[in-house]
Amino acid sequence: MKLGKRGDTTVTDASRELDARALPPPRQHPEIFRTFDALAPGEAFILLNDYEPKPLLYQFQVERPGAFDWNVLEAGPERFRVEIRRRSSPGPRGVREFLGEDHRRLDAILRHAAVLAHAGSFVDSRASFAEFRCGLERHIEIEEQILFPWFEKETGTSGGPTAIMRLEHLEIRRLMNTIGGSLRAEDLASLLEAIRGFTNLLEEHNAKEEDVLYPMADRALDDDRERNEIVQRMQRF
C-alpha cells in the first residue's frame, strides 16, 4: 500500500487503500490499527469495506482519542470508503477547528473535481464530486442534527445564525443538484458556471460559520472536555 502526505488542500489518492474485505475478520481491526500507527503526522489511508465500520470508529475514539480524522468518502449501501488520517496536532479540539478543517478538506475535493472536468475526464470528475457530495451532505447533517439543536438549546434561540445557515443549506443542496446534472450531461460550460456560483455561496456560508457560529458554540462550552465531547458526537454521526 502506497502512502503519501496530505495537507489541508491535498486530495485523497485511491492507491492508498486498505481493503478490509480481503482480510479474515479477526485480523481486520489489528491490521487497520497497525496501518494507522505506521502513518506519519498528516498521512492518511483509505479503508474499503462492505459495511459501515462504526465499531471501528468507536474503537479509534477509545484507543486513539484526538489522534485521527475520520472522513467518509462513500457511504454504501454495498461499499463504504473512509479516509483515516493521522492528525498533525493530536489532542482535544473545538467545534471551529473540527468543522473548519472539514470545510477546507471539502473545498480541495471540489477544486479537484473541477480540474478533472476541465481536462475532459468526466468519469473521474463525477467520482470526485460524489466524494465531495457525500462529505458535504454528512457535514450538513452533522450541523442540523447535532450542532444546531444543541446551540439553540444553549442560547435559547432558534432565529439567529442557525436559521440563516439552514436556509443557505437548502440553496447549497439545490446547487449541488445543478452541478451533478451538468456533470452527467458532460456540459463543461454550464458545469463551470454552476461551480463558480456554488463556490461563491459556499465561501460566504463557511465564513459565517467559522467567524460567527462556531466561535459562539465554542464559547458556550465550558472547557476542553465539553468541546471534545461534542466533537466526538459529531465524528460518530
C-alpha atoms as a PDB file:
ATOM      1  CA  MET A   1       0.000   0.000   0.000  1.00  0.00           C
ATOM      2  CA  LYS A   2       1.406   3.363  -1.023  1.00  0.00           C
ATOM      3  CA  LEU A   3       1.014   6.173   1.481  1.00  0.00           C
ATOM      4  CA  GLY A   4       1.510   9.865   0.972  1.00  0.00           C
ATOM      5  CA  LYS A   5       1.223  13.068   2.914  1.00  0.00           C
ATOM      6  CA  ARG A   6      -1.826  15.240   2.669  1.00  0.00           C
ATOM      7  CA  GLY A   7      -2.298  18.715   3.993  1.00  0.00           C
ATOM      8  CA  ASP A   8      -5.471  20.783   4.031  1.00  0.00           C
ATOM      9  CA  THR A   9      -5.504  21.024   0.234  1.00  0.00           C
ATOM     10  CA  THR A  10      -4.340  17.564  -0.832  1.00  0.00           C
ATOM     11  CA  VAL A  11      -6.895  15.249  -2.388  1.00  0.00           C
ATOM     12  CA  THR A  12      -7.062  11.597  -1.430  1.00  0.00           C
ATOM     13  CA  ASP A  13      -5.223   9.113  -3.665  1.00  0.00           C
ATOM     14  CA  ALA A  14      -7.008   5.852  -4.476  1.00  0.00           C
ATOM     15  CA  SER A  15      -3.682   3.982  -4.384  1.00  0.00           C
ATOM     16  CA  ARG A  16      -3.602   4.344  -0.594  1.00  0.00           C
ATOM     17  CA  GLU A  17      -6.348   1.802   0.039  1.00  0.00           C
ATOM     18  CA  LEU A  18      -6.575  -0.940   2.634  1.00  0.00           C
ATOM     19  CA  ASP A  19      -9.279  -3.394   1.584  1.00  0.00           C
ATOM     20  CA  ALA A  20     -10.664  -4.906   4.795  1.00  0.00           C
ATOM     21  CA  ARG A  21     -12.823  -7.279   2.738  1.00  0.00           C
ATOM     22  CA  ALA A  22      -9.672  -9.220   1.810  1.00  0.00           C
ATOM     23  CA  LEU A  23      -8.798  -9.871   5.474  1.00  0.00           C
ATOM     24  CA  PRO A  24     -10.238 -12.516   7.832  1.00  0.00           C
ATOM     25  CA  PRO A  25     -12.464 -10.771  10.431  1.00  0.00           C
ATOM     26  CA  PRO A  26     -10.085 -11.433  13.385  1.00  0.00           C
ATOM     27  CA  ARG A  27      -7.274  -9.658  11.503  1.00  0.00           C
ATOM     28  CA  GLN A  28      -9.201  -6.631  10.294  1.00  0.00           C
ATOM     29  CA  HIS A  29      -9.008  -4.266  13.264  1.00  0.00           C
ATOM     30  CA  PRO A  30      -5.401  -5.172  14.230  1.00  0.00           C
ATOM     31  CA  GLU A  31      -4.264  -4.594  10.636  1.00  0.00           C
ATOM     32  CA  ILE A  32      -6.135  -1.298  10.414  1.00  0.00           C
ATOM     33  CA  PHE A  33      -4.559  -0.032  13.642  1.00  0.00           C
ATOM     34  CA  ARG A  34      -1.136  -1.248  12.523  1.00  0.00           C
ATOM     35  CA  THR A  35      -1.553   0.705   9.287  1.00  0.00           C
ATOM     36  CA  PHE A  36      -2.671   3.816  11.166  1.00  0.00           C
ATOM     37  CA  ASP A  37       0.186   3.623  13.668  1.00  0.00           C
ATOM     38  CA  ALA A  38       2.698   3.454  10.805  1.00  0.00           C
ATOM     39  CA  LEU A  39       1.487   6.794   9.409  1.00  0.00           C
ATOM     40  CA  ALA A  40       3.498   9.945   9.862  1.00  0.00           C
ATOM     41  CA  PRO A  41       1.574  13.017  11.086  1.00  0.00           C
ATOM     42  CA  GLY A  42      -0.592  14.307   8.233  1.00  0.00           C
ATOM     43  CA  GLU A  43      -0.593  11.000   6.335  1.00  0.00           C
ATOM     44  CA  ALA A  44      -3.746   9.044   5.565  1.00  0.00           C
ATOM     45  CA  PHE A  45      -5.062   5.837   4.084  1.00  0.00           C
ATOM     46  CA  ILE A  46      -8.438   4.838   2.692  1.00  0.00           C
ATOM     47  CA  LEU A  47     -10.303   1.962   4.294  1.00  0.00           C
ATOM     48  CA  LEU A  48     -12.532  -0.031   1.956  1.00  0.00           C
ATOM     49  CA  ASN A  49     -15.260  -2.220   3.449  1.00  0.00           C
ATOM     50  CA  ASP A  50     -18.634  -3.758   2.595  1.00  0.00           C
ATOM     51  CA  TYR A  51     -20.406  -2.443   5.720  1.00  0.00           C
ATOM     52  CA  GLU A  52     -20.333   0.760   7.736  1.00  0.00           C
ATOM     53  CA  PRO A  53     -17.343   0.429  10.113  1.00  0.00           C
ATOM     54  CA  LYS A  54     -18.919   2.211  13.095  1.00  0.00           C
ATOM     55  CA  PRO A  55     -17.500  -0.258  15.682  1.00  0.00           C
ATOM     56  CA  LEU A  56     -14.030   0.567  14.371  1.00  0.00           C
ATOM     57  CA  LEU A  57     -14.706   4.292  14.769  1.00  0.00           C
ATOM     58  CA  TYR A  58     -15.777   3.770  18.387  1.00  0.00           C
ATOM     59  CA  GLN A  59     -12.601   1.784  18.989  1.00  0.00           C
ATOM     60  CA  PHE A  60     -10.488   4.570  17.487  1.00  0.00           C
ATOM     61  CA  GLN A  61     -12.145   7.106  19.775  1.00  0.00           C
ATOM     62  CA  VAL A  62     -11.279   4.977  22.801  1.00  0.00           C
ATOM     63  CA  GLU A  63      -7.781   3.840  21.817  1.00  0.00           C
ATOM     64  CA  ARG A  64      -6.528   6.815  19.740  1.00  0.00           C
ATOM     65  CA  PRO A  65      -8.542   9.750  21.137  1.00  0.00           C
ATOM     66  CA  GLY A  66      -7.871  13.051  19.398  1.00  0.00           C
ATOM     67  CA  ALA A  67      -5.261  11.476  17.122  1.00  0.00           C
ATOM     68  CA  PHE A  68      -7.243  10.879  13.930  1.00  0.00           C
ATOM     69  CA  ASP A  69      -9.706  12.273  11.407  1.00  0.00           C
ATOM     70  CA  TRP A  70     -12.468  10.062  10.032  1.00  0.00           C
ATOM     71  CA  ASN A  71     -13.704  11.267   6.638  1.00  0.00           C
ATOM     72  CA  VAL A  72     -16.466   9.306   4.908  1.00  0.00           C
ATOM     73  CA  LEU A  73     -15.932   9.214   1.124  1.00  0.00           C
ATOM     74  CA  GLU A  74     -18.586   6.663   0.149  1.00  0.00           C
ATOM     75  CA  ALA A  75     -21.482   5.559   2.333  1.00  0.00           C
ATOM     76  CA  GLY A  76     -22.846   2.343   0.862  1.00  0.00           C
ATOM     77  CA  PRO A  77     -25.133   0.601   0.571  1.00  0.00           C
ATOM     78  CA  GLU A  78     -22.763  -2.038  -0.832  1.00  0.00           C
ATOM     79  CA  ARG A  79     -19.409  -0.312  -0.406  1.00  0.00           C
ATOM     80  CA  PHE A  80     -18.040   2.002   2.257  1.00  0.00           C
ATOM     81  CA  ARG A  81     -14.853   4.053   1.892  1.00  0.00           C
ATOM     82  CA  VAL A  82     -13.396   6.049   4.754  1.00  0.00           C
ATOM     83  CA  GLU A  83     -10.258   8.153   4.808  1.00  0.00           C
ATOM     84  CA  ILE A  84      -8.469   7.753   8.159  1.00  0.00           C
ATOM     85  CA  ARG A  85      -5.866  10.453   8.688  1.00  0.00           C
ATOM     86  CA  ARG A  86      -3.325  10.856  11.468  1.00  0.00           C
ATOM     87  CA  ARG A  87      -3.661  14.388  12.796  1.00  0.00           C
ATOM     88  CA  SER A  88      -0.605  16.608  12.716  1.00  0.00           C
ATOM     89  CA  SER A  89      -1.526  18.110  16.108  1.00  0.00           C
ATOM     90  CA  PRO A  90      -3.322  15.479  18.204  1.00  0.00           C
ATOM     91  CA  GLY A  91      -5.392  16.399  21.231  1.00  0.00           C
ATOM     92  CA  PRO A  92      -8.766  17.941  22.121  1.00  0.00           C
ATOM     93  CA  ARG A  93     -10.274  20.435  19.703  1.00  0.00           C
ATOM     94  CA  GLY A  94     -13.331  22.573  19.495  1.00  0.00           C
ATOM     95  CA  VAL A  95     -16.183  22.992  17.036  1.00  0.00           C
ATOM     96  CA  ARG A  96     -14.449  25.666  14.952  1.00  0.00           C
ATOM     97  CA  GLU A  97     -11.316  23.600  14.435  1.00  0.00           C
ATOM     98  CA  PHE A  98     -13.152  20.340  13.718  1.00  0.00           C
ATOM     99  CA  LEU A  99     -15.737  21.659  11.260  1.00  0.00           C
ATOM    100  CA  GLY A 100     -13.411  24.304   9.796  1.00  0.00           C
ATOM    101  CA  GLU A 101     -10.905  21.615   8.851  1.00  0.00           C
ATOM    102  CA  ASP A 102     -13.713  19.726   7.149  1.00  0.00           C
ATOM    103  CA  HIS A 103     -14.593  22.840   5.140  1.00  0.00           C
ATOM    104  CA  ARG A 104     -11.062  23.006   3.772  1.00  0.00           C
ATOM    105  CA  ARG A 105     -10.947  19.284   3.026  1.00  0.00           C
ATOM    106  CA  LEU A 106     -14.184  19.504   1.045  1.00  0.00           C
ATOM    107  CA  ASP A 107     -13.065  22.652  -0.795  1.00  0.00           C
ATOM    108  CA  ALA A 108      -9.999  20.749  -2.037  1.00  0.00           C
ATOM    109  CA  ILE A 109     -12.095  17.848  -3.342  1.00  0.00           C
ATOM    110  CA  LEU A 110     -14.430  20.219  -5.217  1.00  0.00           C
ATOM    111  CA  ARG A 111     -11.485  22.013  -6.835  1.00  0.00           C
ATOM    112  CA  HIS A 112     -10.082  18.657  -7.911  1.00  0.00           C
ATOM    113  CA  ALA A 113     -13.412  17.671  -9.483  1.00  0.00           C
ATOM    114  CA  ALA A 114     -13.447  20.944 -11.444  1.00  0.00           C
ATOM    115  CA  VAL A 115      -9.874  20.424 -12.662  1.00  0.00           C
ATOM    116  CA  LEU A 116     -10.706  16.912 -13.850  1.00  0.00           C
ATOM    117  CA  ALA A 117     -13.782  18.115 -15.728  1.00  0.00           C
ATOM    118  CA  HIS A 118     -11.830  20.939 -17.355  1.00  0.00           C
ATOM    119  CA  ALA A 119      -9.336  18.321 -18.579  1.00  0.00           C
ATOM    120  CA  GLY A 120     -12.183  16.298 -20.101  1.00  0.00           C
ATOM    121  CA  SER A 121     -12.012  13.486 -17.505  1.00  0.00           C
ATOM    122  CA  PHE A 122     -15.716  13.482 -16.729  1.00  0.00           C
ATOM    123  CA  VAL A 123     -15.791   9.944 -15.301  1.00  0.00           C
ATOM    124  CA  ASP A 124     -13.104  10.825 -12.753  1.00  0.00           C
ATOM    125  CA  SER A 125     -14.707  14.209 -12.126  1.00  0.00           C
ATOM    126  CA  ARG A 126     -18.043  12.555 -11.306  1.00  0.00           C
ATOM    127  CA  ALA A 127     -16.282  10.195  -8.899  1.00  0.00           C
ATOM    128  CA  SER A 128     -14.525  13.102  -7.189  1.00  0.00           C
ATOM    129  CA  PHE A 129     -17.730  15.124  -6.979  1.00  0.00           C
ATOM    130  CA  ALA A 130     -19.510  12.103  -5.478  1.00  0.00           C
ATOM    131  CA  GLU A 131     -16.916  12.098  -2.666  1.00  0.00           C
ATOM    132  CA  PHE A 132     -17.444  15.830  -2.193  1.00  0.00           C
ATOM    133  CA  ARG A 133     -21.206  15.448  -2.105  1.00  0.00           C
ATOM    134  CA  CYS A 134     -21.046  12.551   0.351  1.00  0.00           C
ATOM    135  CA  GLY A 135     -18.840  14.612   2.645  1.00  0.00           C
ATOM    136  CA  LEU A 136     -20.829  17.839   2.403  1.00  0.00           C
ATOM    137  CA  GLU A 137     -24.172  16.092   2.945  1.00  0.00           C
ATOM    138  CA  ARG A 138     -22.712  14.473   6.057  1.00  0.00           C
ATOM    139  CA  HIS A 139     -21.289  17.835   7.194  1.00  0.00           C
ATOM    140  CA  ILE A 140     -24.699  19.494   6.800  1.00  0.00           C
ATOM    141  CA  GLU A 141     -26.490  16.683   8.633  1.00  0.00           C
ATOM    142  CA  ILE A 142     -23.981  16.883  11.494  1.00  0.00           C
ATOM    143  CA  GLU A 143     -24.761  20.574  11.853  1.00  0.00           C
ATOM    144  CA  GLU A 144     -28.531  20.262  11.526  1.00  0.00           C
ATOM    145  CA  GLN A 145     -28.958  17.189  13.723  1.00  0.00           C
ATOM    146  CA  ILE A 146     -26.272  17.739  16.377  1.00  0.00           C
ATOM    147  CA  LEU A 147     -24.735  21.222  16.441  1.00  0.00           C
ATOM    148  CA  PHE A 148     -27.747  23.430  15.673  1.00  0.00           C
ATOM    149  CA  PRO A 149     -30.203  21.791  18.136  1.00  0.00           C
ATOM    150  CA  TRP A 150     -27.563  21.911  20.880  1.00  0.00           C
ATOM    151  CA  PHE A 151     -26.724  25.548  20.079  1.00  0.00           C
ATOM    152  CA  GLU A 152     -30.380  26.598  20.056  1.00  0.00           C
ATOM    153  CA  LYS A 153     -30.990  24.898  23.398  1.00  0.00           C
ATOM    154  CA  GLU A 154     -27.918  26.526  24.969  1.00  0.00           C
ATOM    155  CA  THR A 155     -28.688  30.026  23.656  1.00  0.00           C
ATOM    156  CA  GLY A 156     -32.469  29.815  23.903  1.00  0.00           C
ATOM    157  CA  THR A 157     -32.994  30.977  20.333  1.00  0.00           C
ATOM    158  CA  SER A 158     -33.783  29.328  17.010  1.00  0.00           C
ATOM    159  CA  GLY A 159     -33.993  32.535  14.984  1.00  0.00           C
ATOM    160  CA  GLY A 160     -30.346  33.542  14.987  1.00  0.00           C
ATOM    161  CA  PRO A 161     -27.421  32.252  12.940  1.00  0.00           C
ATOM    162  CA  THR A 162     -28.733  28.693  12.789  1.00  0.00           C
ATOM    163  CA  ALA A 163     -31.882  29.826  10.964  1.00  0.00           C
ATOM    164  CA  ILE A 164     -29.746  31.574   8.336  1.00  0.00           C
ATOM    165  CA  MET A 165     -27.497  28.534   7.969  1.00  0.00           C
ATOM    166  CA  ARG A 166     -30.485  26.217   7.450  1.00  0.00           C
ATOM    167  CA  LEU A 167     -31.812  28.423   4.647  1.00  0.00           C
ATOM    168  CA  GLU A 168     -28.418  28.507   2.981  1.00  0.00           C
ATOM    169  CA  HIS A 169     -28.157  24.721   3.272  1.00  0.00           C
ATOM    170  CA  LEU A 170     -31.262  24.461   1.077  1.00  0.00           C
ATOM    171  CA  GLU A 171     -29.614  26.567  -1.626  1.00  0.00           C
ATOM    172  CA  ILE A 172     -26.350  24.632  -1.281  1.00  0.00           C
ATOM    173  CA  ARG A 173     -28.196  21.371  -1.882  1.00  0.00           C
ATOM    174  CA  ARG A 174     -30.042  22.842  -4.875  1.00  0.00           C
ATOM    175  CA  LEU A 175     -26.785  23.952  -6.475  1.00  0.00           C
ATOM    176  CA  MET A 176     -25.193  20.561  -5.821  1.00  0.00           C
ATOM    177  CA  ASN A 177     -28.037  19.038  -7.835  1.00  0.00           C
ATOM    178  CA  THR A 178     -27.313  21.504 -10.656  1.00  0.00           C
ATOM    179  CA  ILE A 179     -23.619  20.604 -10.666  1.00  0.00           C
ATOM    180  CA  GLY A 180     -24.463  16.908 -10.664  1.00  0.00           C
ATOM    181  CA  GLY A 181     -26.738  17.364 -13.675  1.00  0.00           C
ATOM    182  CA  SER A 182     -24.067  19.250 -15.616  1.00  0.00           C
ATOM    183  CA  LEU A 183     -21.541  16.510 -14.857  1.00  0.00           C
ATOM    184  CA  ARG A 184     -23.896  13.786 -16.051  1.00  0.00           C
ATOM    185  CA  ALA A 185     -24.527  15.746 -19.264  1.00  0.00           C
ATOM    186  CA  GLU A 186     -20.776  16.432 -19.608  1.00  0.00           C
ATOM    187  CA  ASP A 187     -21.623  20.075 -20.294  1.00  0.00           C
ATOM    188  CA  LEU A 188     -18.404  21.855 -19.331  1.00  0.00           C
ATOM    189  CA  ALA A 189     -19.651  25.422 -19.816  1.00  0.00           C
ATOM    190  CA  SER A 190     -22.719  25.018 -17.592  1.00  0.00           C
ATOM    191  CA  LEU A 191     -20.687  22.998 -15.098  1.00  0.00           C
ATOM    192  CA  LEU A 192     -18.037  25.686 -14.633  1.00  0.00           C
ATOM    193  CA  GLU A 193     -20.714  28.373 -14.337  1.00  0.00           C
ATOM    194  CA  ALA A 194     -22.562  26.317 -11.703  1.00  0.00           C
ATOM    195  CA  ILE A 195     -19.356  25.665  -9.769  1.00  0.00           C
ATOM    196  CA  ARG A 196     -18.485  29.376  -9.755  1.00  0.00           C
ATOM    197  CA  GLY A 197     -21.843  30.306  -8.257  1.00  0.00           C
ATOM    198  CA  PHE A 198     -21.712  27.412  -5.834  1.00  0.00           C
ATOM    199  CA  THR A 199     -18.165  28.263  -4.705  1.00  0.00           C
ATOM    200  CA  ASN A 200     -19.101  31.898  -4.041  1.00  0.00           C
ATOM    201  CA  LEU A 201     -22.070  30.834  -1.918  1.00  0.00           C
ATOM    202  CA  LEU A 202     -20.057  28.197  -0.076  1.00  0.00           C
ATOM    203  CA  GLU A 203     -17.208  30.617   0.717  1.00  0.00           C
ATOM    204  CA  GLU A 204     -19.633  33.129   2.226  1.00  0.00           C
ATOM    205  CA  HIS A 205     -21.509  30.415   4.094  1.00  0.00           C
ATOM    206  CA  ASN A 206     -18.364  28.850   5.532  1.00  0.00           C
ATOM    207  CA  ALA A 207     -17.013  32.242   6.596  1.00  0.00           C
ATOM    208  CA  LYS A 208     -20.202  32.974   8.561  1.00  0.00           C
ATOM    209  CA  GLU A 209     -19.954  29.644  10.304  1.00  0.00           C
ATOM    210  CA  GLU A 210     -16.244  29.884  11.087  1.00  0.00           C
ATOM    211  CA  ASP A 211     -16.300  33.561  12.131  1.00  0.00           C
ATOM    212  CA  VAL A 212     -19.635  33.652  13.995  1.00  0.00           C
ATOM    213  CA  LEU A 213     -21.449  30.392  14.703  1.00  0.00           C
ATOM    214  CA  TYR A 214     -18.576  28.044  15.547  1.00  0.00           C
ATOM    215  CA  PRO A 215     -16.797  30.501  17.908  1.00  0.00           C
ATOM    216  CA  MET A 216     -20.129  31.159  19.660  1.00  0.00           C
ATOM    217  CA  ALA A 217     -20.561  27.420  20.101  1.00  0.00           C
ATOM    218  CA  ASP A 218     -17.031  27.029  21.490  1.00  0.00           C
ATOM    219  CA  ARG A 219     -17.598  29.880  23.955  1.00  0.00           C
ATOM    220  CA  ALA A 220     -20.826  28.255  25.151  1.00  0.00           C
ATOM    221  CA  LEU A 221     -18.885  25.108  26.045  1.00  0.00           C
ATOM    222  CA  ASP A 222     -17.210  25.344  29.435  1.00  0.00           C
ATOM    223  CA  ASP A 223     -13.903  23.610  28.827  1.00  0.00           C
ATOM    224  CA  ASP A 224     -11.842  21.357  26.544  1.00  0.00           C
ATOM    225  CA  ARG A 225     -13.623  18.274  27.872  1.00  0.00           C
ATOM    226  CA  GLU A 226     -17.063  19.528  26.828  1.00  0.00           C
ATOM    227  CA  ARG A 227     -15.774  20.754  23.475  1.00  0.00           C
ATOM    228  CA  ASN A 228     -14.141  17.382  22.841  1.00  0.00           C
ATOM    229  CA  GLU A 229     -17.338  15.530  23.783  1.00  0.00           C
ATOM    230  CA  ILE A 230     -19.448  17.343  21.184  1.00  0.00           C
ATOM    231  CA  VAL A 231     -16.692  16.885  18.583  1.00  0.00           C
ATOM    232  CA  GLN A 232     -16.729  13.140  19.268  1.00  0.00           C
ATOM    233  CA  ARG A 233     -20.528  13.111  18.878  1.00  0.00           C
ATOM    234  CA  MET A 234     -20.204  14.822  15.517  1.00  0.00           C
ATOM    235  CA  GLN A 235     -17.416  12.460  14.479  1.00  0.00           C
ATOM    236  CA  ARG A 236     -19.638   9.446  15.302  1.00  0.00           C
ATOM    237  CA  PHE A 237     -22.520  10.716  13.150  1.00  0.00           C
END
